[in-house]
Amino acid sequence: MPISASKINTFTLFKLPSAFFCGVRVVSITESTCVVKVKHRWINQNPFKSMFWAVQGMAAELSTGAMVLSSIKDSNAKVSMLVANNNASFTKKARGRITFTCKDGLAITEAIKKTIETGEGQTCWMQSVGVDKQGDVVSTFNFEWTVKVKSKQ
C-alpha cells in the first residue's frame, strides 16, 4: 500500500510533533514529487514578522524525506536513511502560505535500488523550493540523504 499524504501527516503528529504543531502538512506525494505546505502563524513566527527559518526547514526536509520513506517502503528492503548535509538560501520573507516542492523522487529511488544491489551506502542530493502565494521563491533547501541496506545482525 503506497504512502499517502494523510498517513504522513498522522506520522508527523506522533513522530515529528514540532512540525505538526507548527502547521507543516503534506499536500500530495507521488513517486517523483512531494508538496508540503505551511502557513505563517503566531506559533512559527520570528521577531521580524515572518516565518522562522527552522519551520521552513522542517517543511522542506519533509518534502524530501517523505519520498525517501516511500521509496524505502516500496523497495521491501530494510534500508536506513539519514541526512548527511544540508544548505539553504533565503530570498524573501516567508509570509502567508508557503509551498515547498521537491521533484527528486526518482533520484532517491535509484539510490535505494543501487544500495540494495551493491550493499554499499549511497548518497543523493534532493532540493526543495519554497514559494509564496504570489509564486515568488522565498527559500531553497538542499538535503544530502544517505541510504544504506541495514546489516543482518
Protein backbone atom coordinates (compact mmCIF):
# COMPACT_ATOMS: atom_id res chain seq x y z
CA MET A 1 0.00 0.00 0.00
CA PRO A 2 1.54 3.33 -1.05
CA ILE A 3 2.26 6.05 1.47
CA SER A 4 -0.37 8.82 1.29
CA ALA A 5 -0.33 12.44 2.38
CA SER A 6 -2.77 11.71 5.22
CA LYS A 7 -0.61 8.85 6.51
CA ILE A 8 2.46 11.09 6.54
CA ASN A 9 0.53 13.84 8.32
CA THR A 10 -0.56 11.34 11.00
CA PHE A 11 3.06 10.15 11.25
CA THR A 12 4.19 13.75 11.92
CA LEU A 13 1.72 14.07 14.80
CA PHE A 14 3.34 11.16 16.63
CA LYS A 15 6.96 11.21 15.39
CA LEU A 16 7.55 14.86 14.45
CA PRO A 17 5.23 16.79 16.77
CA SER A 18 7.07 20.11 16.42
CA ALA A 19 6.45 20.05 12.66
CA PHE A 20 2.82 19.05 13.16
CA PHE A 21 2.06 21.79 15.71
CA CYS A 22 3.81 24.39 13.52
CA GLY A 23 1.34 23.52 10.74
CA VAL A 24 3.61 21.56 8.38
CA ARG A 25 1.37 19.34 6.18
CA VAL A 26 1.96 17.13 3.16
CA VAL A 27 -0.48 18.06 0.41
CA SER A 28 0.47 15.44 -2.16
CA ILE A 29 3.08 12.77 -2.81
CA THR A 30 3.89 10.77 -5.92
CA GLU A 31 6.86 8.67 -6.94
CA SER A 32 8.63 11.78 -8.28
CA THR A 33 7.21 14.79 -6.41
CA CYS A 34 6.14 15.79 -2.92
CA VAL A 35 4.37 19.03 -1.99
CA VAL A 36 4.30 20.34 1.58
CA LYS A 37 2.57 23.49 2.82
CA VAL A 38 2.94 25.56 5.95
CA LYS A 39 1.22 28.82 6.87
CA HIS A 40 2.86 31.69 8.74
CA ARG A 41 1.18 31.81 12.15
CA TRP A 42 1.96 33.02 15.64
CA ILE A 43 3.45 29.67 16.68
CA ASN A 44 6.00 29.59 13.85
CA GLN A 45 6.97 33.25 13.54
CA ASN A 46 10.24 35.03 14.17
CA PRO A 47 10.64 38.54 15.65
CA PHE A 48 10.68 40.02 12.13
CA LYS A 49 7.03 39.19 11.37
CA SER A 50 7.79 36.28 9.06
CA MET A 51 8.16 32.52 9.30
CA PHE A 52 11.08 31.22 11.37
CA TRP A 53 13.76 29.68 9.15
CA ALA A 54 13.69 26.37 11.05
CA VAL A 55 9.98 25.90 10.30
CA GLN A 56 10.74 26.37 6.62
CA GLY A 57 13.49 23.78 7.05
CA MET A 58 11.07 21.28 8.61
CA ALA A 59 8.66 21.67 5.70
CA ALA A 60 11.44 21.45 3.12
CA GLU A 61 13.01 18.38 4.75
CA LEU A 62 9.63 16.64 4.96
CA SER A 63 9.09 17.18 1.22
CA THR A 64 12.31 15.25 0.56
CA GLY A 65 12.17 12.77 3.43
CA ALA A 66 8.62 11.64 2.68
CA MET A 67 9.78 10.42 -0.72
CA VAL A 68 12.77 8.66 0.86
CA LEU A 69 10.40 6.85 3.24
CA SER A 70 8.04 5.99 0.40
CA SER A 71 10.83 4.63 -1.82
CA ILE A 72 12.20 2.53 1.03
CA LYS A 73 8.73 1.12 1.72
CA ASP A 74 8.23 0.33 -1.97
CA SER A 75 11.59 -1.48 -2.11
CA ASN A 76 10.55 -4.03 0.57
CA ALA A 77 14.11 -3.87 1.93
CA LYS A 78 15.42 -2.75 5.29
CA VAL A 79 17.21 0.48 4.43
CA SER A 80 18.43 3.14 6.83
CA MET A 81 18.18 6.82 5.95
CA LEU A 82 19.91 9.89 7.32
CA VAL A 83 20.54 13.50 6.30
CA ALA A 84 24.31 13.91 5.99
CA ASN A 85 24.41 17.55 4.85
CA ASN A 86 22.11 20.40 4.06
CA ASN A 87 22.23 24.02 2.98
CA ALA A 88 19.69 26.72 2.37
CA SER A 89 19.27 30.14 0.87
CA PHE A 90 16.60 32.68 1.73
CA THR A 91 15.48 35.24 -0.85
CA LYS A 92 12.31 36.79 0.59
CA LYS A 93 10.45 36.97 3.91
CA ALA A 94 8.15 33.98 4.26
CA ARG A 95 4.65 35.29 4.96
CA GLY A 96 1.30 33.67 4.34
CA ARG A 97 1.10 30.11 3.00
CA ILE A 98 4.42 28.73 1.75
CA THR A 99 4.51 25.70 -0.53
CA PHE A 100 7.64 23.52 -0.65
CA THR A 101 8.05 21.25 -3.63
CA CYS A 102 10.65 18.55 -4.19
CA LYS A 103 10.85 16.86 -7.59
CA ASP A 104 13.75 14.48 -6.90
CA GLY A 105 11.84 11.32 -6.02
CA LEU A 106 13.18 9.32 -8.94
CA ALA A 107 16.78 10.14 -7.94
CA ILE A 108 16.32 8.73 -4.42
CA THR A 109 14.57 5.65 -5.83
CA GLU A 110 17.67 4.98 -7.96
CA ALA A 111 19.97 5.46 -4.96
CA ILE A 112 17.91 2.96 -2.95
CA LYS A 113 17.98 0.44 -5.80
CA LYS A 114 21.76 0.82 -6.02
CA THR A 115 22.34 0.34 -2.30
CA ILE A 116 20.19 -2.81 -2.37
CA GLU A 117 22.09 -4.17 -5.39
CA THR A 118 25.60 -3.36 -4.15
CA GLY A 119 25.23 -3.35 -0.38
CA GLU A 120 27.16 -0.07 -0.33
CA GLY A 121 25.78 3.16 1.07
CA GLN A 122 24.60 5.75 -1.41
CA THR A 123 24.03 9.49 -1.25
CA CYS A 124 21.51 11.63 -3.06
CA TRP A 125 21.06 15.40 -3.05
CA MET A 126 17.42 16.48 -3.06
CA GLN A 127 16.19 20.06 -3.44
CA SER A 128 13.02 21.65 -2.08
CA VAL A 129 11.93 25.10 -3.21
CA GLY A 130 9.54 27.20 -1.12
CA VAL A 131 7.26 29.68 -2.88
CA ASP A 132 4.67 32.09 -1.55
CA LYS A 133 1.13 32.78 -2.79
CA GLN A 134 2.46 35.16 -5.44
CA GLY A 135 4.77 32.46 -6.81
CA ASP A 136 7.93 34.14 -5.52
CA VAL A 137 10.70 31.89 -4.22
CA VAL A 138 11.24 32.56 -0.51
CA SER A 139 13.77 29.81 0.22
CA THR A 140 15.61 26.90 -1.35
CA PHE A 141 16.84 23.94 0.70
CA ASN A 142 19.19 21.15 -0.36
CA PHE A 143 19.48 17.92 1.61
CA GLU A 144 22.06 15.19 1.08
CA TRP A 145 20.35 11.94 2.04
CA THR A 146 22.37 8.81 2.74
CA VAL A 147 20.77 5.40 2.35
CA LYS A 148 22.23 2.02 3.21
CA VAL A 149 20.92 -1.52 3.49
CA LYS A 150 20.74 -2.47 7.17
CA SER A 151 23.11 -5.26 8.13
CA LYS A 152 21.64 -8.57 9.30
CA GLN A 153 22.78 -8.99 12.92
